Protein backbone atom coordinates (compact mmCIF):
# COMPACT_ATOMS: atom_id res chain seq x y z
CA UNK A 1 10.54 23.45 43.84
CA UNK A 2 11.83 26.55 45.80
CA UNK A 3 11.73 24.79 49.11
CA UNK A 4 14.47 24.24 51.63
CA UNK A 5 15.59 20.81 52.04
CA UNK A 6 13.35 19.10 49.59
CA UNK A 7 14.53 15.86 47.87
CA UNK A 8 12.80 16.86 44.74
CA UNK A 9 15.33 19.24 43.99
CA UNK A 10 17.36 16.38 42.81
CA UNK A 11 14.93 15.63 40.05
CA UNK A 12 15.39 18.93 38.28
CA UNK A 13 18.03 20.86 36.80
CA UNK A 14 20.48 22.11 39.39
CA UNK A 15 23.79 22.80 40.58
CA UNK A 16 25.75 21.71 43.65
CA UNK A 17 28.49 23.09 45.56
CA UNK A 18 30.51 20.69 47.93
CA UNK A 19 32.91 22.75 50.41
CA UNK A 20 35.37 21.14 52.67
CA UNK A 21 36.74 24.15 54.70
CA UNK A 22 39.14 22.13 56.89
CA UNK A 23 40.62 20.11 54.21
CA UNK A 24 41.03 16.28 53.73
CA UNK A 25 39.68 14.25 56.70
CA UNK A 26 37.47 17.08 57.89
CA UNK A 27 33.65 17.52 57.39
CA UNK A 28 32.00 18.73 54.10
CA UNK A 29 29.09 20.49 53.17
CA UNK A 30 26.68 19.86 50.21
CA UNK A 31 24.35 22.77 48.82
CA UNK A 32 22.26 21.69 46.09
CA UNK A 33 20.34 24.69 44.35
CA UNK A 34 18.02 25.28 41.41
CA UNK A 35 16.89 27.97 39.41
CA UNK A 36 13.49 28.41 41.46
CA UNK A 37 15.75 29.31 44.64
CA UNK A 38 15.53 25.87 46.13
CA UNK A 39 18.05 24.85 48.47
CA UNK A 40 18.96 21.48 50.25
CA UNK A 41 21.70 21.73 52.44
CA UNK A 42 23.51 18.78 54.32
CA UNK A 43 26.72 18.13 56.17
CA UNK A 44 29.11 14.69 55.74
CA UNK A 45 31.48 13.59 58.38
CA UNK A 46 33.81 10.80 58.11
CA UNK A 47 33.04 7.76 60.30
CA UNK A 48 30.07 5.70 61.20
CA UNK A 49 27.24 8.34 61.20
CA UNK A 50 28.26 10.08 58.15
CA UNK A 51 25.17 12.13 56.77
CA UNK A 52 24.15 14.70 59.39
CA UNK A 53 21.17 16.89 59.27
CA UNK A 54 22.30 20.67 59.28
CA UNK A 55 20.95 24.01 58.43
CA UNK A 56 23.18 26.47 56.88
CA UNK A 57 22.05 29.75 58.55
CA UNK A 58 22.06 32.43 56.45
CA UNK A 59 22.59 30.64 53.24
CA UNK A 60 20.40 32.23 50.53
CA UNK A 61 19.81 31.20 46.97
CA UNK A 62 18.05 33.04 44.17
CA UNK A 63 17.56 31.91 40.36
CA UNK A 64 16.28 33.08 37.28
CA UNK A 65 15.13 31.11 34.06
CA UNK A 66 15.52 32.66 30.50
CA UNK A 67 14.29 31.20 27.18
CA UNK A 68 17.40 29.11 26.64
CA UNK A 69 19.25 29.28 30.05
CA UNK A 70 19.09 29.69 33.59
CA UNK A 71 21.18 31.22 36.42
CA UNK A 72 21.70 30.87 40.21
CA UNK A 73 23.26 32.93 42.70
CA UNK A 74 24.07 32.07 46.07
CA UNK A 75 25.29 33.59 49.29
CA UNK A 76 27.23 31.41 51.72
CA UNK A 77 28.27 33.09 55.20
CA UNK A 78 31.66 31.74 56.20
CA UNK A 79 29.95 31.47 59.85
CA UNK A 80 27.14 28.97 58.20
CA UNK A 81 30.02 26.51 57.67
CA UNK A 82 31.41 26.87 61.01
CA UNK A 83 34.68 28.42 59.82
CA UNK A 84 35.99 32.01 60.18
CA UNK A 85 36.76 33.99 57.06
CA UNK A 86 39.67 32.63 55.17
CA UNK A 87 43.15 34.27 55.48
CA UNK A 88 45.28 34.98 52.24
CA UNK A 89 46.45 31.62 51.01
CA UNK A 90 44.37 29.58 52.82
CA UNK A 91 42.83 26.66 50.71
CA UNK A 92 39.65 24.39 50.92
CA UNK A 93 38.78 21.38 49.02
CA UNK A 94 35.75 21.93 46.78
CA UNK A 95 33.73 20.99 43.91
CA UNK A 96 31.08 22.59 41.68
CA UNK A 97 28.75 20.41 39.80
CA UNK A 98 25.50 20.65 37.83
CA UNK A 99 22.92 17.94 36.74
CA UNK A 100 20.79 18.46 33.62
CA UNK A 101 17.49 16.93 33.31
CA UNK A 102 15.97 14.89 31.86
CA UNK A 103 19.21 13.90 30.17
CA UNK A 104 21.01 13.28 33.30
CA UNK A 105 24.13 15.03 31.93
CA UNK A 106 26.28 15.62 34.85
CA UNK A 107 29.34 18.12 34.85
CA UNK A 108 31.86 18.91 37.50
CA UNK A 109 34.50 21.77 37.82
CA UNK A 110 36.80 19.05 39.20
CA UNK A 111 35.89 15.78 37.49
CA UNK A 112 35.57 13.17 39.63
CA UNK A 113 35.43 9.96 37.22
CA UNK A 114 32.39 8.68 39.51
CA UNK A 115 29.54 10.60 41.65
CA UNK A 116 30.13 13.98 42.80
CA UNK A 117 31.12 13.08 46.39
CA UNK A 118 34.58 11.85 45.44
CA UNK A 119 36.41 13.85 48.22
CA UNK A 120 40.09 12.98 46.65
CA UNK A 121 39.09 14.45 43.32
CA UNK A 122 37.88 17.84 44.57
CA UNK A 123 39.64 20.92 43.27
CA UNK A 124 41.45 23.31 45.51
CA UNK A 125 40.25 26.67 46.44
CA UNK A 126 42.72 29.23 47.31
CA UNK A 127 41.50 32.56 48.69
CA UNK A 128 43.07 35.99 48.10
CA UNK A 129 41.55 39.27 49.73
CA UNK A 130 42.99 41.75 47.17
CA UNK A 131 44.26 42.26 43.72
CA UNK A 132 47.94 42.03 44.59
CA UNK A 133 47.59 38.61 46.50
CA UNK A 134 45.23 37.12 43.71
CA UNK A 135 48.14 38.48 41.04
CA UNK A 136 50.64 36.41 43.10
CA UNK A 137 48.64 33.14 42.96
CA UNK A 138 47.11 33.50 39.45
CA UNK A 139 49.54 35.58 37.37
CA UNK A 140 47.41 38.65 37.50
CA UNK A 141 44.25 36.73 35.90
CA UNK A 142 41.77 34.49 37.36
CA UNK A 143 40.71 31.63 35.33
CA UNK A 144 38.25 28.67 35.60
CA UNK A 145 39.09 25.34 33.84
CA UNK A 146 36.98 22.39 33.45
CA UNK A 147 35.83 19.45 31.56
CA UNK A 148 32.16 18.56 30.50
CA UNK A 149 31.39 14.80 30.70
CA UNK A 150 28.15 12.85 30.22
CA UNK A 151 26.92 10.49 32.82
CA UNK A 152 29.25 7.59 31.61
CA UNK A 153 32.16 10.13 31.77
CA UNK A 154 32.59 10.61 28.09
CA UNK A 155 33.78 14.12 27.23
CA UNK A 156 31.40 16.38 25.58
CA UNK A 157 32.51 18.85 22.87
CA UNK A 158 30.80 22.07 21.78
CA UNK A 159 28.99 22.61 25.07
CA UNK A 160 28.60 26.34 25.83
CA UNK A 161 29.92 27.42 29.30
CA UNK A 162 28.93 30.67 30.69
CA UNK A 163 29.88 33.10 33.70
CA UNK A 164 28.77 36.50 34.38
CA UNK A 165 31.84 37.82 32.47
CA UNK A 166 32.35 35.42 29.66
CA UNK A 167 31.47 32.75 27.54
CA UNK A 168 33.36 29.58 26.25
CA UNK A 169 32.52 26.28 24.26
CA UNK A 170 34.11 22.82 25.17
CA UNK A 171 36.69 21.42 22.74
CA UNK A 172 36.93 18.05 21.51
CA UNK A 173 38.12 16.94 24.92
CA UNK A 174 35.34 18.51 26.62
CA UNK A 175 37.66 21.03 28.08
CA UNK A 176 36.98 24.76 28.55
CA UNK A 177 38.51 27.69 29.99
CA UNK A 178 36.77 30.94 31.40
CA UNK A 179 39.49 33.74 31.67
CA UNK A 180 39.64 37.30 33.29
CA UNK A 181 37.16 36.22 36.10
CA UNK A 182 36.73 38.76 38.70
């Protein structure tokens, strides 16, 4: 469905962004999206009342289906997450995940060994605002590395992985690298 905060979004192919701008111990945000442009957003805090209703004002998602694939693009204003724009070198904890239906194949940018909400296994996003800053942190080239596993955590070989600027396939260990990302 292309609706906002409809739980049915979790019953179809989708992706999730889990973002923790303040780092460990701070609230984090879950954005679940699908190819129809549906968006489910919620905030989690540590403590007795963990899940809080929250609407990320200004967050927009749009998707497109093709014969054998689908894509999604999302715009997330920093203000929607209650944080100022990051400075060079700022770091957030984050994970980017995918659930494929009906097989329930789960993949994550930073494998958690369990559900998507394993905060201690989130990856690190390091922000850079220009090419010079990016070169200092990434040797002049941005890369995305990941591992594709099934619902039981078994690595999956020969799975195609695509970005807007490149393609890769997982190796026998389920690992992939996308190089020269903008």
